[in-house]
Amino acid sequence: DWKLILGVDNNEMMAEAIEARNRIIAITIAGLVALVGLIALVAPRITKPVALLATTTRTIASGNLEFEIPVARGHDEIAGLQNDFIHMRDSLRDNIAELQRETETRQKLESELEIARDSQMGLLPNKATIGGVLRGVEIAARLIPAKAVGGDLFNYFYTDDSHLCFAV
């Protein structure tokens, strides 16, 4: 009945496991450092265009349509959005210019209509003589054009032989 007792130092027995553990920790730390470095390189390529679009949105919302938006490089969603902003800015600029032209045309037309209305009303008999008694005849008249200017005129007068005449 023999018994065998083997004595091995704990450090010697665990040395390979400790070495494997240390290698795994070192590889993990190196991987994390590489991942952080990669994120630091890639993140600005994503966040910079988004920040530019945010600035562009605020600038356009403030009414500045002369703001230059850099042309997008690439074919991702951010580039598509950036190109859409350029198109939106140009469309807004064109629409506002057209609206200003139409407003100027409308104001000019309204001014001309007001001048025409004043001219037409100036051709009518004087208010002081309408509605008063004129040689025993009471006369009243009113002209209300359907639009700013109408084509109707009226007048009245006495002939030399004292006949009252109306012209419409």
C-alpha atoms as a PDB file:
ATOM      1  CA  ASP A   1       0.000   0.000   0.000  1.00  0.00           C
ATOM      2  CA  TRP A   2       1.945   2.843  -1.253  1.00  0.00           C
ATOM      3  CA  LYS A   3       0.742   6.355  -1.246  1.00  0.00           C
ATOM      4  CA  LEU A   4       2.094   9.030  -3.495  1.00  0.00           C
ATOM      5  CA  ILE A   5       1.996  12.652  -2.470  1.00  0.00           C
ATOM      6  CA  LEU A   6       2.919  15.197  -5.042  1.00  0.00           C
ATOM      7  CA  GLY A   7       3.648  18.745  -3.988  1.00  0.00           C
ATOM      8  CA  VAL A   8       3.507  21.519  -6.574  1.00  0.00           C
ATOM      9  CA  ASP A   9       3.954  25.205  -5.865  1.00  0.00           C
ATOM     10  CA  ASN A  10       0.661  27.096  -6.345  1.00  0.00           C
ATOM     11  CA  ASN A  11       2.341  29.931  -8.311  1.00  0.00           C
ATOM     12  CA  GLU A  12       3.949  27.399 -10.641  1.00  0.00           C
ATOM     13  CA  MET A  13       0.675  25.599 -11.222  1.00  0.00           C
ATOM     14  CA  MET A  14      -1.342  28.817 -11.873  1.00  0.00           C
ATOM     15  CA  ALA A  15       1.362  30.592 -13.912  1.00  0.00           C
ATOM     16  CA  GLU A  16      -0.077  29.621 -17.315  1.00  0.00           C
ATOM     17  CA  ALA A  17      -3.643  30.577 -16.314  1.00  0.00           C
ATOM     18  CA  ILE A  18      -2.454  33.906 -14.897  1.00  0.00           C
ATOM     19  CA  GLU A  19      -0.456  34.552 -18.066  1.00  0.00           C
ATOM     20  CA  ALA A  20      -3.518  33.758 -20.247  1.00  0.00           C
ATOM     21  CA  ARG A  21      -5.672  36.034 -18.054  1.00  0.00           C
ATOM     22  CA  ASN A  22      -3.149  38.880 -18.351  1.00  0.00           C
ATOM     23  CA  ARG A  23      -3.002  38.433 -22.151  1.00  0.00           C
ATOM     24  CA  ILE A  24      -6.805  38.556 -22.361  1.00  0.00           C
ATOM     25  CA  ILE A  25      -6.891  41.735 -20.223  1.00  0.00           C
ATOM     26  CA  ALA A  26      -4.158  43.343 -22.351  1.00  0.00           C
ATOM     27  CA  ILE A  27      -5.950  42.439 -25.590  1.00  0.00           C
ATOM     28  CA  THR A  28      -9.248  43.774 -24.202  1.00  0.00           C
ATOM     29  CA  ILE A  29      -7.641  47.058 -23.111  1.00  0.00           C
ATOM     30  CA  ALA A  30      -5.890  47.403 -26.501  1.00  0.00           C
ATOM     31  CA  GLY A  31      -9.195  46.689 -28.271  1.00  0.00           C
ATOM     32  CA  LEU A  32     -11.031  49.295 -26.180  1.00  0.00           C
ATOM     33  CA  VAL A  33      -8.309  51.892 -26.860  1.00  0.00           C
ATOM     34  CA  ALA A  34      -8.506  51.102 -30.602  1.00  0.00           C
ATOM     35  CA  LEU A  35     -12.321  51.338 -30.501  1.00  0.00           C
ATOM     36  CA  VAL A  36     -12.227  54.703 -28.706  1.00  0.00           C
ATOM     37  CA  GLY A  37      -9.653  55.945 -31.258  1.00  0.00           C
ATOM     38  CA  LEU A  38     -11.837  54.762 -34.144  1.00  0.00           C
ATOM     39  CA  ILE A  39     -14.911  56.429 -32.638  1.00  0.00           C
ATOM     40  CA  ALA A  40     -12.901  59.642 -32.185  1.00  0.00           C
ATOM     41  CA  LEU A  41     -12.011  59.534 -35.887  1.00  0.00           C
ATOM     42  CA  VAL A  42     -15.468  58.606 -37.206  1.00  0.00           C
ATOM     43  CA  ALA A  43     -17.719  60.641 -34.884  1.00  0.00           C
ATOM     44  CA  PRO A  44     -16.769  64.079 -36.300  1.00  0.00           C
ATOM     45  CA  ARG A  45     -17.583  62.831 -39.810  1.00  0.00           C
ATOM     46  CA  ILE A  46     -21.116  62.183 -38.565  1.00  0.00           C
ATOM     47  CA  THR A  47     -21.652  65.005 -36.090  1.00  0.00           C
ATOM     48  CA  LYS A  48     -20.080  67.819 -38.125  1.00  0.00           C
ATOM     49  CA  PRO A  49     -22.616  67.606 -41.010  1.00  0.00           C
ATOM     50  CA  VAL A  50     -25.484  67.309 -38.507  1.00  0.00           C
ATOM     51  CA  ALA A  51     -24.230  70.396 -36.639  1.00  0.00           C
ATOM     52  CA  LEU A  52     -23.916  72.222 -39.980  1.00  0.00           C
ATOM     53  CA  LEU A  53     -27.516  71.313 -40.840  1.00  0.00           C
ATOM     54  CA  ALA A  54     -28.672  72.562 -37.428  1.00  0.00           C
ATOM     55  CA  THR A  55     -26.882  75.871 -38.054  1.00  0.00           C
ATOM     56  CA  THR A  56     -28.367  76.010 -41.551  1.00  0.00           C
ATOM     57  CA  THR A  57     -31.862  75.433 -40.173  1.00  0.00           C
ATOM     58  CA  ARG A  58     -31.504  78.280 -37.672  1.00  0.00           C
ATOM     59  CA  THR A  59     -30.059  80.589 -40.332  1.00  0.00           C
ATOM     60  CA  ILE A  60     -32.852  79.897 -42.829  1.00  0.00           C
ATOM     61  CA  ALA A  61     -35.465  80.232 -40.065  1.00  0.00           C
ATOM     62  CA  SER A  62     -34.080  83.691 -39.255  1.00  0.00           C
ATOM     63  CA  GLY A  63     -34.786  84.741 -42.852  1.00  0.00           C
ATOM     64  CA  ASN A  64     -31.239  84.690 -44.205  1.00  0.00           C
ATOM     65  CA  LEU A  65     -31.592  82.932 -47.544  1.00  0.00           C
ATOM     66  CA  GLU A  66     -28.226  84.115 -48.829  1.00  0.00           C
ATOM     67  CA  PHE A  67     -26.437  81.678 -46.508  1.00  0.00           C
ATOM     68  CA  GLU A  68     -24.196  79.335 -48.484  1.00  0.00           C
ATOM     69  CA  ILE A  69     -24.696  75.685 -47.678  1.00  0.00           C
ATOM     70  CA  PRO A  70     -21.701  73.557 -48.678  1.00  0.00           C
ATOM     71  CA  VAL A  71     -22.497  70.923 -51.292  1.00  0.00           C
ATOM     72  CA  ALA A  72     -22.683  67.502 -49.672  1.00  0.00           C
ATOM     73  CA  ARG A  73     -20.124  64.835 -50.406  1.00  0.00           C
ATOM     74  CA  GLY A  74     -21.219  61.256 -50.320  1.00  0.00           C
ATOM     75  CA  HIS A  75     -24.493  59.442 -50.781  1.00  0.00           C
ATOM     76  CA  ASP A  76     -25.706  58.895 -47.233  1.00  0.00           C
ATOM     77  CA  GLU A  77     -28.828  60.296 -45.566  1.00  0.00           C
ATOM     78  CA  ILE A  78     -27.003  63.359 -44.240  1.00  0.00           C
ATOM     79  CA  ALA A  79     -25.759  64.248 -47.733  1.00  0.00           C
ATOM     80  CA  GLY A  80     -29.290  63.803 -49.084  1.00  0.00           C
ATOM     81  CA  LEU A  81     -30.677  66.018 -46.332  1.00  0.00           C
ATOM     82  CA  GLN A  82     -28.017  68.649 -46.998  1.00  0.00           C
ATOM     83  CA  ASN A  83     -28.900  68.673 -50.720  1.00  0.00           C
ATOM     84  CA  ASP A  84     -32.600  68.966 -49.792  1.00  0.00           C
ATOM     85  CA  PHE A  85     -31.756  72.018 -47.660  1.00  0.00           C
ATOM     86  CA  ILE A  86     -29.997  73.619 -50.624  1.00  0.00           C
ATOM     87  CA  HIS A  87     -33.053  72.960 -52.795  1.00  0.00           C
ATOM     88  CA  MET A  88     -35.399  74.302 -50.088  1.00  0.00           C
ATOM     89  CA  ARG A  89     -33.327  77.474 -49.662  1.00  0.00           C
ATOM     90  CA  ASP A  90     -33.283  78.103 -53.417  1.00  0.00           C
ATOM     91  CA  SER A  91     -37.035  77.459 -53.710  1.00  0.00           C
ATOM     92  CA  LEU A  92     -37.775  79.812 -50.822  1.00  0.00           C
ATOM     93  CA  ARG A  93     -35.543  82.469 -52.356  1.00  0.00           C
ATOM     94  CA  ASP A  94     -37.355  82.150 -55.721  1.00  0.00           C
ATOM     95  CA  ASN A  95     -40.815  82.144 -54.119  1.00  0.00           C
ATOM     96  CA  ILE A  96     -40.064  85.237 -52.045  1.00  0.00           C
ATOM     97  CA  ALA A  97     -38.682  87.072 -55.096  1.00  0.00           C
ATOM     98  CA  GLU A  98     -41.816  86.152 -57.074  1.00  0.00           C
ATOM     99  CA  LEU A  99     -44.041  87.276 -54.199  1.00  0.00           C
ATOM    100  CA  GLN A 100     -42.198  90.611 -54.028  1.00  0.00           C
ATOM    101  CA  ARG A 101     -42.648  91.106 -57.790  1.00  0.00           C
ATOM    102  CA  GLU A 102     -46.351  90.286 -57.531  1.00  0.00           C
ATOM    103  CA  THR A 103     -46.749  92.612 -54.550  1.00  0.00           C
ATOM    104  CA  GLU A 104     -45.051  95.452 -56.416  1.00  0.00           C
ATOM    105  CA  THR A 105     -47.267  94.827 -59.459  1.00  0.00           C
ATOM    106  CA  ARG A 106     -50.393  94.736 -57.291  1.00  0.00           C
ATOM    107  CA  GLN A 107     -49.402  97.963 -55.491  1.00  0.00           C
ATOM    108  CA  LYS A 108     -48.760  99.680 -58.827  1.00  0.00           C
ATOM    109  CA  LEU A 109     -52.124  98.498 -60.155  1.00  0.00           C
ATOM    110  CA  GLU A 110     -53.919  99.632 -56.989  1.00  0.00           C
ATOM    111  CA  SER A 111     -52.214 103.024 -57.244  1.00  0.00           C
ATOM    112  CA  GLU A 112     -53.262 103.363 -60.877  1.00  0.00           C
ATOM    113  CA  LEU A 113     -56.825 102.316 -60.016  1.00  0.00           C
ATOM    114  CA  GLU A 114     -56.931 104.917 -57.229  1.00  0.00           C
ATOM    115  CA  ILE A 115     -55.761 107.605 -59.671  1.00  0.00           C
ATOM    116  CA  ALA A 116     -58.381 106.469 -62.195  1.00  0.00           C
ATOM    117  CA  ARG A 117     -61.078 106.487 -59.502  1.00  0.00           C
ATOM    118  CA  ASP A 118     -60.116 109.992 -58.394  1.00  0.00           C
ATOM    119  CA  SER A 119     -60.157 111.146 -62.037  1.00  0.00           C
ATOM    120  CA  GLN A 120     -63.570 109.569 -62.611  1.00  0.00           C
ATOM    121  CA  MET A 121     -65.026 111.067 -59.446  1.00  0.00           C
ATOM    122  CA  GLY A 122     -63.564 114.432 -60.445  1.00  0.00           C
ATOM    123  CA  LEU A 123     -65.671 114.356 -63.623  1.00  0.00           C
ATOM    124  CA  LEU A 124     -68.903 114.102 -61.648  1.00  0.00           C
ATOM    125  CA  PRO A 125     -70.927 117.122 -60.615  1.00  0.00           C
ATOM    126  CA  ASN A 126     -69.864 118.888 -57.451  1.00  0.00           C
ATOM    127  CA  LYS A 127     -71.308 117.515 -54.205  1.00  0.00           C
ATOM    128  CA  ALA A 128     -72.419 120.992 -53.253  1.00  0.00           C
ATOM    129  CA  THR A 129     -74.794 121.176 -56.225  1.00  0.00           C
ATOM    130  CA  ILE A 130     -76.143 117.620 -56.067  1.00  0.00           C
ATOM    131  CA  GLY A 131     -78.644 117.187 -53.278  1.00  0.00           C
ATOM    132  CA  GLY A 132     -79.482 120.870 -53.102  1.00  0.00           C
ATOM    133  CA  VAL A 133     -82.366 122.683 -54.705  1.00  0.00           C
ATOM    134  CA  LEU A 134     -81.399 123.997 -58.096  1.00  0.00           C
ATOM    135  CA  ARG A 135     -83.894 126.444 -59.718  1.00  0.00           C
ATOM    136  CA  GLY A 136     -86.737 124.807 -57.861  1.00  0.00           C
ATOM    137  CA  VAL A 137     -85.724 121.225 -58.694  1.00  0.00           C
ATOM    138  CA  GLU A 138     -84.320 118.919 -56.043  1.00  0.00           C
ATOM    139  CA  ILE A 139     -81.535 116.739 -57.474  1.00  0.00           C
ATOM    140  CA  ALA A 140     -79.759 113.804 -55.827  1.00  0.00           C
ATOM    141  CA  ALA A 141     -77.337 111.324 -57.337  1.00  0.00           C
ATOM    142  CA  ARG A 142     -74.969 108.594 -56.290  1.00  0.00           C
ATOM    143  CA  LEU A 143     -72.354 106.602 -58.195  1.00  0.00           C
ATOM    144  CA  ILE A 144     -71.048 103.364 -56.693  1.00  0.00           C
ATOM    145  CA  PRO A 145     -68.735 101.509 -59.085  1.00  0.00           C
ATOM    146  CA  ALA A 146     -68.782  97.697 -58.893  1.00  0.00           C
ATOM    147  CA  LYS A 147     -64.991  97.784 -58.697  1.00  0.00           C
ATOM    148  CA  ALA A 148     -62.453 100.495 -57.942  1.00  0.00           C
ATOM    149  CA  VAL A 149     -63.285 102.181 -61.233  1.00  0.00           C
ATOM    150  CA  GLY A 150     -66.500 101.951 -63.225  1.00  0.00           C
ATOM    151  CA  GLY A 151     -67.356 103.052 -66.710  1.00  0.00           C
ATOM    152  CA  ASP A 152     -70.466 105.071 -65.766  1.00  0.00           C
ATOM    153  CA  LEU A 153     -70.615 108.850 -65.578  1.00  0.00           C
ATOM    154  CA  PHE A 154     -73.484 111.255 -65.132  1.00  0.00           C
ATOM    155  CA  ASN A 155     -74.032 114.966 -65.291  1.00  0.00           C
ATOM    156  CA  TYR A 156     -76.898 117.413 -65.419  1.00  0.00           C
ATOM    157  CA  PHE A 157     -77.153 120.938 -66.693  1.00  0.00           C
ATOM    158  CA  TYR A 158     -79.589 123.600 -67.798  1.00  0.00           C
ATOM    159  CA  THR A 159     -79.800 124.580 -71.411  1.00  0.00           C
ATOM    160  CA  ASP A 160     -80.058 128.188 -72.440  1.00  0.00           C
ATOM    161  CA  ASP A 161     -83.815 127.920 -72.609  1.00  0.00           C
ATOM    162  CA  SER A 162     -83.953 126.632 -69.000  1.00  0.00           C
ATOM    163  CA  HIS A 163     -84.470 122.983 -69.752  1.00  0.00           C
ATOM    164  CA  LEU A 164     -82.889 120.615 -67.221  1.00  0.00           C
ATOM    165  CA  CYS A 165     -80.859 117.922 -69.020  1.00  0.00           C
ATOM    166  CA  PHE A 166     -79.353 114.734 -67.630  1.00  0.00           C
ATOM    167  CA  ALA A 167     -76.483 112.884 -69.218  1.00  0.00           C
ATOM    168  CA  VAL A 168     -75.803 109.324 -68.087  1.00  0.00           C
END
